[in-house]
Amino acid sequence: MKSVAVRDAQQADVFDVAVVVYPPAWRAISALLTVFAHGSLIATLASYVLLENPPSNPLKQMRIFAAFFMLPAAAAWCISRAFAARARIAGGLLILDRRDSRIEVPLESIAAVEPWRVPAPRGGVSLRLRSGRRFSHGLQIADPVAFVQALEAGGAATGVGQAMAGPLAVHARTKALGGRSFLDNAILKFAVYSLVPTLPVFRLHQYITYGGTFGEYYTYGLKAYLVAFGIWWASFAIYLVMFAALFRAVVEVLAMIAAVLAPARALTARRFLERAQRVVYYVGIPSWIALRLLA
């Protein structure tokens, strides 16, 4: 009796993680929205750099940002929340708990776990059943390799994750283990850090246009001054989001190349790339702005 209780307790604690359980059609819609949203950031940044007369009206920039990034990104987020679940492994079952439903898949019925060939909207896996069919839903999951290990520990057939040896799984594994930093927090990265370029540039604008740091305040009042500051602040935040999207794309492409060419060193490469992009973001961008102002 004691050994049975110990075994049941171990099974109950094998795995418990947040996932998104996507029906195929909704995953495709979410993937298209996500790719469009992030692709539009890079395309917009490229147009600002390459065009001779890029849009200079900050309100127009905000409208472009809202229409081409915020709206599709928000729609994709809503879809992911609608299909959010907890994945647990206990008692020989893969249990997917959603707010309004519960799905149980016997571990012995799972023949293979296959990474998504197109890791969008984020990385995930499909389950191949012993009947030869695929499980009806895809699972968006941060660390597919850890998921497979948990399946095998919970009682699934050994070798269920043979497909996890490929570069897609290696790439997903390095992303999960690459190590997030407090510097990656979105509020710090965009809302707070955008003050670094905003404060000196806004002060310079006040001197040039109104003759002093608080020139607009003395001329038009506090409301006009704060609105102008808010517009400059939002404009720089938008630019930072676009640069961050470009840096993220570069990191993911190089990390995938590392996963293909040198899988044993892919995690080391990922950690180096993550540190490098933080340095470029937090040091390179303000340095570039300072050079532009002093030129």
C-alpha atoms as a PDB file:
ATOM      1  CA  MET A   1       0.000   0.000   0.000  1.00  0.00           C
ATOM      2  CA  LYS A   2       2.791   2.403   0.843  1.00  0.00           C
ATOM      3  CA  SER A   3       4.538   1.840  -2.513  1.00  0.00           C
ATOM      4  CA  VAL A   4       1.253   2.449  -4.379  1.00  0.00           C
ATOM      5  CA  ALA A   5       0.734   5.757  -2.549  1.00  0.00           C
ATOM      6  CA  VAL A   6       4.278   6.877  -3.343  1.00  0.00           C
ATOM      7  CA  ARG A   7       3.845   5.945  -7.000  1.00  0.00           C
ATOM      8  CA  ASP A   8       0.534   7.859  -7.243  1.00  0.00           C
ATOM      9  CA  ALA A   9       2.092  10.939  -5.650  1.00  0.00           C
ATOM     10  CA  GLN A  10       4.970  10.840  -8.086  1.00  0.00           C
ATOM     11  CA  GLN A  11       2.588  10.498 -11.028  1.00  0.00           C
ATOM     12  CA  ALA A  12       0.544  13.491  -9.847  1.00  0.00           C
ATOM     13  CA  ASP A  13       3.620  15.705  -9.877  1.00  0.00           C
ATOM     14  CA  VAL A  14       5.129  14.672 -13.207  1.00  0.00           C
ATOM     15  CA  PHE A  15       4.083  17.775 -15.175  1.00  0.00           C
ATOM     16  CA  ASP A  16       1.905  20.865 -14.837  1.00  0.00           C
ATOM     17  CA  VAL A  17       2.386  23.775 -17.208  1.00  0.00           C
ATOM     18  CA  ALA A  18       0.427  26.431 -19.108  1.00  0.00           C
ATOM     19  CA  VAL A  19      -0.363  25.608 -22.742  1.00  0.00           C
ATOM     20  CA  VAL A  20      -2.644  26.784 -25.519  1.00  0.00           C
ATOM     21  CA  VAL A  21      -4.821  24.042 -27.022  1.00  0.00           C
ATOM     22  CA  TYR A  22      -5.424  25.246 -30.567  1.00  0.00           C
ATOM     23  CA  PRO A  23      -7.956  23.848 -33.012  1.00  0.00           C
ATOM     24  CA  PRO A  24      -6.213  23.874 -36.428  1.00  0.00           C
ATOM     25  CA  ALA A  25      -8.265  26.725 -37.932  1.00  0.00           C
ATOM     26  CA  TRP A  26      -7.836  29.015 -34.929  1.00  0.00           C
ATOM     27  CA  ARG A  27      -4.128  28.286 -34.772  1.00  0.00           C
ATOM     28  CA  ALA A  28      -3.789  29.271 -38.441  1.00  0.00           C
ATOM     29  CA  ILE A  29      -5.678  32.530 -37.828  1.00  0.00           C
ATOM     30  CA  SER A  30      -3.597  33.342 -34.752  1.00  0.00           C
ATOM     31  CA  ALA A  31      -0.384  32.528 -36.615  1.00  0.00           C
ATOM     32  CA  LEU A  32      -1.289  34.809 -39.521  1.00  0.00           C
ATOM     33  CA  LEU A  33      -2.195  37.648 -37.160  1.00  0.00           C
ATOM     34  CA  THR A  34       1.053  37.241 -35.212  1.00  0.00           C
ATOM     35  CA  VAL A  35       3.254  37.097 -38.292  1.00  0.00           C
ATOM     36  CA  PHE A  36       1.478  40.099 -39.803  1.00  0.00           C
ATOM     37  CA  ALA A  37       1.770  42.135 -36.584  1.00  0.00           C
ATOM     38  CA  HIS A  38       5.484  41.522 -36.059  1.00  0.00           C
ATOM     39  CA  GLY A  39       6.297  41.669 -39.754  1.00  0.00           C
ATOM     40  CA  SER A  40       4.604  45.055 -40.006  1.00  0.00           C
ATOM     41  CA  LEU A  41       6.936  46.426 -37.323  1.00  0.00           C
ATOM     42  CA  ILE A  42      10.021  45.475 -39.319  1.00  0.00           C
ATOM     43  CA  ALA A  43       8.481  46.653 -42.585  1.00  0.00           C
ATOM     44  CA  THR A  44       7.487  49.994 -41.056  1.00  0.00           C
ATOM     45  CA  LEU A  45      10.950  50.507 -39.584  1.00  0.00           C
ATOM     46  CA  ALA A  46      12.531  49.684 -42.951  1.00  0.00           C
ATOM     47  CA  SER A  47      10.250  52.163 -44.691  1.00  0.00           C
ATOM     48  CA  TYR A  48      11.205  54.911 -42.233  1.00  0.00           C
ATOM     49  CA  VAL A  49      14.890  54.219 -42.864  1.00  0.00           C
ATOM     50  CA  LEU A  50      14.725  53.784 -46.639  1.00  0.00           C
ATOM     51  CA  LEU A  51      12.109  56.317 -47.716  1.00  0.00           C
ATOM     52  CA  GLU A  52      13.303  59.782 -48.597  1.00  0.00           C
ATOM     53  CA  ASN A  53      10.257  61.336 -46.920  1.00  0.00           C
ATOM     54  CA  PRO A  54       9.035  58.944 -44.229  1.00  0.00           C
ATOM     55  CA  PRO A  55       5.917  59.859 -42.213  1.00  0.00           C
ATOM     56  CA  SER A  56       6.966  62.538 -39.719  1.00  0.00           C
ATOM     57  CA  ASN A  57       3.599  63.252 -38.115  1.00  0.00           C
ATOM     58  CA  PRO A  58       3.690  61.404 -34.764  1.00  0.00           C
ATOM     59  CA  LEU A  59      -0.094  61.009 -34.687  1.00  0.00           C
ATOM     60  CA  LYS A  60       0.025  59.336 -38.105  1.00  0.00           C
ATOM     61  CA  GLN A  61       2.798  57.056 -36.828  1.00  0.00           C
ATOM     62  CA  MET A  62       0.609  56.095 -33.873  1.00  0.00           C
ATOM     63  CA  ARG A  63      -2.318  55.279 -36.155  1.00  0.00           C
ATOM     64  CA  ILE A  64      -0.081  53.084 -38.329  1.00  0.00           C
ATOM     65  CA  PHE A  65       1.278  51.350 -35.224  1.00  0.00           C
ATOM     66  CA  ALA A  66      -2.210  50.742 -33.835  1.00  0.00           C
ATOM     67  CA  ALA A  67      -3.678  49.479 -37.102  1.00  0.00           C
ATOM     68  CA  PHE A  68      -0.837  47.244 -38.275  1.00  0.00           C
ATOM     69  CA  PHE A  69       0.552  45.982 -34.968  1.00  0.00           C
ATOM     70  CA  MET A  70      -1.621  46.560 -31.920  1.00  0.00           C
ATOM     71  CA  LEU A  71      -4.935  45.414 -33.398  1.00  0.00           C
ATOM     72  CA  PRO A  72      -3.702  42.133 -34.945  1.00  0.00           C
ATOM     73  CA  ALA A  73      -1.480  41.414 -31.935  1.00  0.00           C
ATOM     74  CA  ALA A  74      -4.408  41.998 -29.585  1.00  0.00           C
ATOM     75  CA  ALA A  75      -6.625  39.721 -31.691  1.00  0.00           C
ATOM     76  CA  ALA A  76      -4.002  36.958 -31.599  1.00  0.00           C
ATOM     77  CA  TRP A  77      -3.690  37.385 -27.826  1.00  0.00           C
ATOM     78  CA  CYS A  78      -7.453  37.079 -27.385  1.00  0.00           C
ATOM     79  CA  ILE A  79      -7.471  33.840 -29.388  1.00  0.00           C
ATOM     80  CA  SER A  80      -4.653  32.423 -27.269  1.00  0.00           C
ATOM     81  CA  ARG A  81      -6.526  33.328 -24.070  1.00  0.00           C
ATOM     82  CA  ALA A  82      -9.693  31.703 -25.385  1.00  0.00           C
ATOM     83  CA  PHE A  83      -7.869  28.372 -25.807  1.00  0.00           C
ATOM     84  CA  ALA A  84      -5.536  28.648 -22.812  1.00  0.00           C
ATOM     85  CA  ALA A  85      -5.271  25.544 -20.626  1.00  0.00           C
ATOM     86  CA  ARG A  86      -3.185  23.711 -18.066  1.00  0.00           C
ATOM     87  CA  ALA A  87      -1.456  20.524 -19.225  1.00  0.00           C
ATOM     88  CA  ARG A  88      -0.961  17.920 -16.507  1.00  0.00           C
ATOM     89  CA  ILE A  89       0.309  14.374 -16.557  1.00  0.00           C
ATOM     90  CA  ALA A  90      -1.108  12.123 -13.877  1.00  0.00           C
ATOM     91  CA  GLY A  91      -2.391   8.577 -13.564  1.00  0.00           C
ATOM     92  CA  GLY A  92      -1.277   7.578 -17.050  1.00  0.00           C
ATOM     93  CA  LEU A  93      -3.184  10.458 -18.661  1.00  0.00           C
ATOM     94  CA  LEU A  94      -2.334  13.704 -20.395  1.00  0.00           C
ATOM     95  CA  ILE A  95      -4.947  16.051 -18.924  1.00  0.00           C
ATOM     96  CA  LEU A  96      -5.777  19.344 -20.632  1.00  0.00           C
ATOM     97  CA  ASP A  97      -7.848  21.538 -18.329  1.00  0.00           C
ATOM     98  CA  ARG A  98      -9.594  24.538 -19.868  1.00  0.00           C
ATOM     99  CA  ARG A  99     -12.031  26.903 -18.209  1.00  0.00           C
ATOM    100  CA  ASP A 100     -15.044  25.153 -19.713  1.00  0.00           C
ATOM    101  CA  SER A 101     -13.798  21.683 -20.651  1.00  0.00           C
ATOM    102  CA  ARG A 102     -11.381  18.897 -19.843  1.00  0.00           C
ATOM    103  CA  ILE A 103      -9.614  16.624 -22.316  1.00  0.00           C
ATOM    104  CA  GLU A 104      -7.931  13.383 -21.253  1.00  0.00           C
ATOM    105  CA  VAL A 105      -5.547  11.512 -23.541  1.00  0.00           C
ATOM    106  CA  PRO A 106      -4.208   8.126 -22.377  1.00  0.00           C
ATOM    107  CA  LEU A 107      -0.417   8.208 -22.551  1.00  0.00           C
ATOM    108  CA  GLU A 108      -0.357   4.704 -24.017  1.00  0.00           C
ATOM    109  CA  SER A 109      -2.339   5.977 -27.028  1.00  0.00           C
ATOM    110  CA  ILE A 110       0.341   8.540 -27.963  1.00  0.00           C
ATOM    111  CA  ALA A 111       2.708   7.177 -30.616  1.00  0.00           C
ATOM    112  CA  ALA A 112       4.765  10.298 -31.302  1.00  0.00           C
ATOM    113  CA  VAL A 113       5.151  13.957 -30.434  1.00  0.00           C
ATOM    114  CA  GLU A 114       6.082  16.093 -33.429  1.00  0.00           C
ATOM    115  CA  PRO A 115       7.205  19.748 -33.331  1.00  0.00           C
ATOM    116  CA  TRP A 116       5.287  22.189 -35.497  1.00  0.00           C
ATOM    117  CA  ARG A 117       7.089  22.701 -38.793  1.00  0.00           C
ATOM    118  CA  VAL A 118       6.048  26.339 -38.697  1.00  0.00           C
ATOM    119  CA  PRO A 119       6.510  27.540 -35.080  1.00  0.00           C
ATOM    120  CA  ALA A 120       3.676  30.060 -35.162  1.00  0.00           C
ATOM    121  CA  PRO A 121       2.057  31.811 -33.417  1.00  0.00           C
ATOM    122  CA  ARG A 122       4.711  30.328 -31.114  1.00  0.00           C
ATOM    123  CA  GLY A 123       6.389  26.960 -30.822  1.00  0.00           C
ATOM    124  CA  GLY A 124       4.320  23.867 -30.185  1.00  0.00           C
ATOM    125  CA  VAL A 125       3.725  20.190 -30.902  1.00  0.00           C
ATOM    126  CA  SER A 126       1.249  17.833 -32.504  1.00  0.00           C
ATOM    127  CA  LEU A 127       0.396  14.431 -31.042  1.00  0.00           C
ATOM    128  CA  ARG A 128       0.432  11.406 -33.325  1.00  0.00           C
ATOM    129  CA  LEU A 129      -1.829   8.657 -31.976  1.00  0.00           C
ATOM    130  CA  ARG A 130      -1.328   4.916 -32.296  1.00  0.00           C
ATOM    131  CA  SER A 131      -4.376   4.783 -34.565  1.00  0.00           C
ATOM    132  CA  GLY A 132      -2.330   6.747 -37.111  1.00  0.00           C
ATOM    133  CA  ARG A 133      -4.409   9.903 -36.745  1.00  0.00           C
ATOM    134  CA  ARG A 134      -3.264  13.168 -35.267  1.00  0.00           C
ATOM    135  CA  PHE A 135      -4.838  14.471 -32.106  1.00  0.00           C
ATOM    136  CA  SER A 136      -7.429  17.055 -33.134  1.00  0.00           C
ATOM    137  CA  HIS A 137      -5.736  19.977 -31.339  1.00  0.00           C
ATOM    138  CA  GLY A 138      -2.197  21.341 -31.415  1.00  0.00           C
ATOM    139  CA  LEU A 139      -0.432  22.257 -28.190  1.00  0.00           C
ATOM    140  CA  GLN A 140       1.469  25.523 -27.990  1.00  0.00           C
ATOM    141  CA  ILE A 141       4.079  24.867 -25.333  1.00  0.00           C
ATOM    142  CA  ALA A 142       7.241  26.665 -24.300  1.00  0.00           C
ATOM    143  CA  ASP A 143       9.514  23.633 -23.919  1.00  0.00           C
ATOM    144  CA  PRO A 144       8.505  20.659 -26.111  1.00  0.00           C
ATOM    145  CA  VAL A 145      11.530  18.604 -25.014  1.00  0.00           C
ATOM    146  CA  ALA A 146      10.578  18.884 -21.339  1.00  0.00           C
ATOM    147  CA  PHE A 147       7.025  17.923 -22.324  1.00  0.00           C
ATOM    148  CA  VAL A 148       8.240  14.743 -24.022  1.00  0.00           C
ATOM    149  CA  GLN A 149      10.435  13.870 -21.073  1.00  0.00           C
ATOM    150  CA  ALA A 150       7.424  14.274 -18.794  1.00  0.00           C
ATOM    151  CA  LEU A 151       5.308  12.046 -21.034  1.00  0.00           C
ATOM    152  CA  GLU A 152       7.899   9.279 -20.876  1.00  0.00           C
ATOM    153  CA  ALA A 153       8.279   9.712 -17.116  1.00  0.00           C
ATOM    154  CA  GLY A 154       4.507   9.471 -16.761  1.00  0.00           C
ATOM    155  CA  GLY A 155       4.274   6.181 -18.637  1.00  0.00           C
ATOM    156  CA  ALA A 156       4.251   6.947 -22.378  1.00  0.00           C
ATOM    157  CA  ALA A 157       6.162   4.623 -24.678  1.00  0.00           C
ATOM    158  CA  THR A 158       9.919   5.127 -24.793  1.00  0.00           C
ATOM    159  CA  GLY A 159      10.920   6.906 -27.987  1.00  0.00           C
ATOM    160  CA  VAL A 160       7.675   8.863 -28.242  1.00  0.00           C
ATOM    161  CA  GLY A 161       9.770  11.974 -28.775  1.00  0.00           C
ATOM    162  CA  GLN A 162      12.170  10.806 -31.471  1.00  0.00           C
ATOM    163  CA  ALA A 163      11.144  13.782 -33.608  1.00  0.00           C
ATOM    164  CA  MET A 164      12.471  16.075 -30.872  1.00  0.00           C
ATOM    165  CA  ALA A 165      16.032  15.460 -32.055  1.00  0.00           C
ATOM    166  CA  GLY A 166      15.603  17.815 -35.012  1.00  0.00           C
ATOM    167  CA  PRO A 167      16.590  21.490 -35.245  1.00  0.00           C
ATOM    168  CA  LEU A 168      13.059  22.776 -34.587  1.00  0.00           C
ATOM    169  CA  ALA A 169      12.978  21.074 -31.191  1.00  0.00           C
ATOM    170  CA  VAL A 170      16.541  22.151 -30.422  1.00  0.00           C
ATOM    171  CA  HIS A 171      15.609  25.734 -31.287  1.00  0.00           C
ATOM    172  CA  ALA A 172      12.544  25.609 -29.037  1.00  0.00           C
ATOM    173  CA  ARG A 173      14.600  24.079 -26.222  1.00  0.00           C
ATOM    174  CA  THR A 174      17.229  26.809 -26.391  1.00  0.00           C
ATOM    175  CA  LYS A 175      14.511  29.457 -26.383  1.00  0.00           C
ATOM    176  CA  ALA A 176      13.003  27.962 -23.233  1.00  0.00           C
ATOM    177  CA  LEU A 177      16.367  27.674 -21.481  1.00  0.00           C
ATOM    178  CA  GLY A 178      18.041  30.762 -22.947  1.00  0.00           C
ATOM    179  CA  GLY A 179      17.430  32.719 -19.802  1.00  0.00           C
ATOM    180  CA  ARG A 180      15.135  35.701 -19.558  1.00  0.00           C
ATOM    181  CA  SER A 181      16.355  38.809 -17.794  1.00  0.00           C
ATOM    182  CA  PHE A 182      14.519  41.566 -15.946  1.00  0.00           C
ATOM    183  CA  LEU A 183      15.721  43.730 -18.841  1.00  0.00           C
ATOM    184  CA  ASP A 184      13.246  41.867 -21.063  1.00  0.00           C
ATOM    185  CA  ASN A 185      10.248  43.108 -19.087  1.00  0.00           C
ATOM    186  CA  ALA A 186       7.999  44.954 -21.549  1.00  0.00           C
ATOM    187  CA  ILE A 187       7.135  47.820 -19.192  1.00  0.00           C
ATOM    188  CA  LEU A 188      10.805  48.498 -18.453  1.00  0.00           C
ATOM    189  CA  LYS A 189      11.912  47.891 -22.026  1.00  0.00           C
ATOM    190  CA  PHE A 190       9.429  50.164 -23.750  1.00  0.00           C
ATOM    191  CA  ALA A 191       7.468  52.402 -21.365  1.00  0.00           C
ATOM    192  CA  VAL A 192      10.272  53.238 -18.916  1.00  0.00           C
ATOM    193  CA  TYR A 193      13.314  53.034 -21.185  1.00  0.00           C
ATOM    194  CA  SER A 194      11.708  55.229 -23.831  1.00  0.00           C
ATOM    195  CA  LEU A 195      12.194  58.095 -21.363  1.00  0.00           C
ATOM    196  CA  VAL A 196      15.943  57.876 -22.014  1.00  0.00           C
ATOM    197  CA  PRO A 197      15.693  59.340 -25.526  1.00  0.00           C
ATOM    198  CA  THR A 198      12.464  61.261 -24.836  1.00  0.00           C
ATOM    199  CA  LEU A 199      13.739  63.545 -22.065  1.00  0.00           C
ATOM    200  CA  PRO A 200      16.751  65.076 -23.852  1.00  0.00           C
ATOM    201  CA  VAL A 201      15.040  65.271 -27.246  1.00  0.00           C
ATOM    202  CA  PHE A 202      11.889  66.830 -25.792  1.00  0.00           C
ATOM    203  CA  ARG A 203      13.965  69.359 -23.864  1.00  0.00           C
ATOM    204  CA  LEU A 204      15.871  70.244 -27.046  1.00  0.00           C
ATOM    205  CA  HIS A 205      12.558  70.637 -28.888  1.00  0.00           C
ATOM    206  CA  GLN A 206      11.306  72.980 -26.165  1.00  0.00           C
ATOM    207  CA  TYR A 207      14.441  75.122 -26.409  1.00  0.00           C
ATOM    208  CA  ILE A 208      14.336  75.319 -30.193  1.00  0.00           C
ATOM    209  CA  THR A 209      10.591  75.982 -30.480  1.00  0.00           C
ATOM    210  CA  TYR A 210       9.734  77.874 -27.309  1.00  0.00           C
ATOM    211  CA  GLY A 211      13.065  79.148 -25.959  1.00  0.00           C
ATOM    212  CA  GLY A 212      13.293  77.095 -22.764  1.00  0.00           C
ATOM    213  CA  THR A 213      12.690  73.775 -21.037  1.00  0.00           C
ATOM    214  CA  PHE A 214       9.165  74.805 -19.977  1.00  0.00           C
ATOM    215  CA  GLY A 215       8.496  77.166 -22.868  1.00  0.00           C
ATOM    216  CA  GLU A 216       5.360  75.410 -24.072  1.00  0.00           C
ATOM    217  CA  TYR A 217       4.025  75.277 -20.524  1.00  0.00           C
ATOM    218  CA  TYR A 218       4.465  79.029 -20.045  1.00  0.00           C
ATOM    219  CA  THR A 219       2.940  79.730 -23.467  1.00  0.00           C
ATOM    220  CA  TYR A 220       0.007  77.307 -23.672  1.00  0.00           C
ATOM    221  CA  GLY A 221      -0.376  75.817 -20.195  1.00  0.00           C
ATOM    222  CA  LEU A 222       0.229  72.529 -18.425  1.00  0.00           C
ATOM    223  CA  LYS A 223      -2.222  70.453 -20.486  1.00  0.00           C
ATOM    224  CA  ALA A 224      -0.564  71.336 -23.802  1.00  0.00           C
ATOM    225  CA  TYR A 225       2.874  70.716 -22.301  1.00  0.00           C
ATOM    226  CA  LEU A 226       1.942  67.263 -20.976  1.00  0.00           C
ATOM    227  CA  VAL A 227       0.179  66.273 -24.205  1.00  0.00           C
ATOM    228  CA  ALA A 228       3.254  67.248 -26.226  1.00  0.00           C
ATOM    229  CA  PHE A 229       5.491  65.282 -23.862  1.00  0.00           C
ATOM    230  CA  GLY A 230       3.168  62.279 -24.099  1.00  0.00           C
ATOM    231  CA  ILE A 231       3.296  62.354 -27.899  1.00  0.00           C
ATOM    232  CA  TRP A 232       7.096  62.412 -27.910  1.00  0.00           C
ATOM    233  CA  TRP A 233       7.182  59.645 -25.293  1.00  0.00           C
ATOM    234  CA  ALA A 234       4.789  57.425 -27.262  1.00  0.00           C
ATOM    235  CA  SER A 235       6.681  58.069 -30.503  1.00  0.00           C
ATOM    236  CA  PHE A 236       9.979  56.905 -29.035  1.00  0.00           C
ATOM    237  CA  ALA A 237       8.274  53.893 -27.435  1.00  0.00           C
ATOM    238  CA  ILE A 238       6.948  52.890 -30.854  1.00  0.00           C
ATOM    239  CA  TYR A 239      10.399  53.178 -32.396  1.00  0.00           C
ATOM    240  CA  LEU A 240      11.824  51.027 -29.598  1.00  0.00           C
ATOM    241  CA  VAL A 241       9.165  48.372 -30.230  1.00  0.00           C
ATOM    242  CA  MET A 242      10.111  48.331 -33.914  1.00  0.00           C
ATOM    243  CA  PHE A 243      13.829  48.033 -33.177  1.00  0.00           C
ATOM    244  CA  ALA A 244      13.126  45.275 -30.652  1.00  0.00           C
ATOM    245  CA  ALA A 245      11.140  43.360 -33.288  1.00  0.00           C
ATOM    246  CA  LEU A 246      14.052  43.629 -35.713  1.00  0.00           C
ATOM    247  CA  PHE A 247      16.567  42.471 -33.101  1.00  0.00           C
ATOM    248  CA  ARG A 248      14.292  39.565 -32.115  1.00  0.00           C
ATOM    249  CA  ALA A 249      14.000  38.433 -35.724  1.00  0.00           C
ATOM    250  CA  VAL A 250      17.794  38.489 -36.114  1.00  0.00           C
ATOM    251  CA  VAL A 251      18.286  36.533 -32.879  1.00  0.00           C
ATOM    252  CA  GLU A 252      15.756  33.852 -33.864  1.00  0.00           C
ATOM    253  CA  VAL A 253      17.216  33.409 -37.353  1.00  0.00           C
ATOM    254  CA  LEU A 254      20.771  33.085 -36.012  1.00  0.00           C
ATOM    255  CA  ALA A 255      19.609  30.771 -33.212  1.00  0.00           C
ATOM    256  CA  MET A 256      17.920  28.528 -35.775  1.00  0.00           C
ATOM    257  CA  ILE A 257      21.089  28.443 -37.859  1.00  0.00           C
ATOM    258  CA  ALA A 258      23.008  27.401 -34.740  1.00  0.00           C
ATOM    259  CA  ALA A 259      20.418  24.674 -34.038  1.00  0.00           C
ATOM    260  CA  VAL A 260      20.892  23.312 -37.559  1.00  0.00           C
ATOM    261  CA  LEU A 261      24.685  23.554 -37.818  1.00  0.00           C
ATOM    262  CA  ALA A 262      25.809  22.962 -34.224  1.00  0.00           C
ATOM    263  CA  PRO A 263      22.973  21.600 -32.053  1.00  0.00           C
ATOM    264  CA  ALA A 264      25.348  20.752 -29.205  1.00  0.00           C
ATOM    265  CA  ARG A 265      26.340  24.425 -28.962  1.00  0.00           C
ATOM    266  CA  ALA A 266      22.943  25.905 -29.775  1.00  0.00           C
ATOM    267  CA  LEU A 267      22.142  26.826 -26.168  1.00  0.00           C
ATOM    268  CA  THR A 268      25.479  28.622 -25.730  1.00  0.00           C
ATOM    269  CA  ALA A 269      24.869  30.472 -28.988  1.00  0.00           C
ATOM    270  CA  ARG A 270      21.366  31.436 -27.884  1.00  0.00           C
ATOM    271  CA  ARG A 271      22.586  32.879 -24.585  1.00  0.00           C
ATOM    272  CA  PHE A 272      25.279  34.886 -26.362  1.00  0.00           C
ATOM    273  CA  LEU A 273      22.758  36.242 -28.868  1.00  0.00           C
ATOM    274  CA  GLU A 274      20.309  37.225 -26.126  1.00  0.00           C
ATOM    275  CA  ARG A 275      23.000  39.136 -24.228  1.00  0.00           C
ATOM    276  CA  ALA A 276      24.244  40.779 -27.419  1.00  0.00           C
ATOM    277  CA  GLN A 277      20.802  42.034 -28.431  1.00  0.00           C
ATOM    278  CA  ARG A 278      20.295  43.534 -24.964  1.00  0.00           C
ATOM    279  CA  VAL A 279      23.573  45.409 -25.269  1.00  0.00           C
ATOM    280  CA  VAL A 280      22.670  46.686 -28.722  1.00  0.00           C
ATOM    281  CA  TYR A 281      19.204  47.706 -27.520  1.00  0.00           C
ATOM    282  CA  TYR A 282      20.114  49.381 -24.237  1.00  0.00           C
ATOM    283  CA  VAL A 283      23.470  50.853 -25.289  1.00  0.00           C
ATOM    284  CA  GLY A 284      23.486  50.996 -29.064  1.00  0.00           C
ATOM    285  CA  ILE A 285      20.157  52.768 -29.622  1.00  0.00           C
ATOM    286  CA  PRO A 286      20.779  55.735 -27.259  1.00  0.00           C
ATOM    287  CA  SER A 287      24.342  56.011 -28.574  1.00  0.00           C
ATOM    288  CA  TRP A 288      23.011  56.208 -32.125  1.00  0.00           C
ATOM    289  CA  ILE A 289      20.482  58.871 -31.104  1.00  0.00           C
ATOM    290  CA  ALA A 290      23.192  60.872 -29.333  1.00  0.00           C
ATOM    291  CA  LEU A 291      25.384  60.772 -32.437  1.00  0.00           C
ATOM    292  CA  ARG A 292      22.466  61.951 -34.560  1.00  0.00           C
ATOM    293  CA  LEU A 293      21.796  64.868 -32.200  1.00  0.00           C
ATOM    294  CA  LEU A 294      25.456  65.880 -32.019  1.00  0.00           C
ATOM    295  CA  ALA A 295      26.129  65.528 -35.738  1.00  0.00           C
END
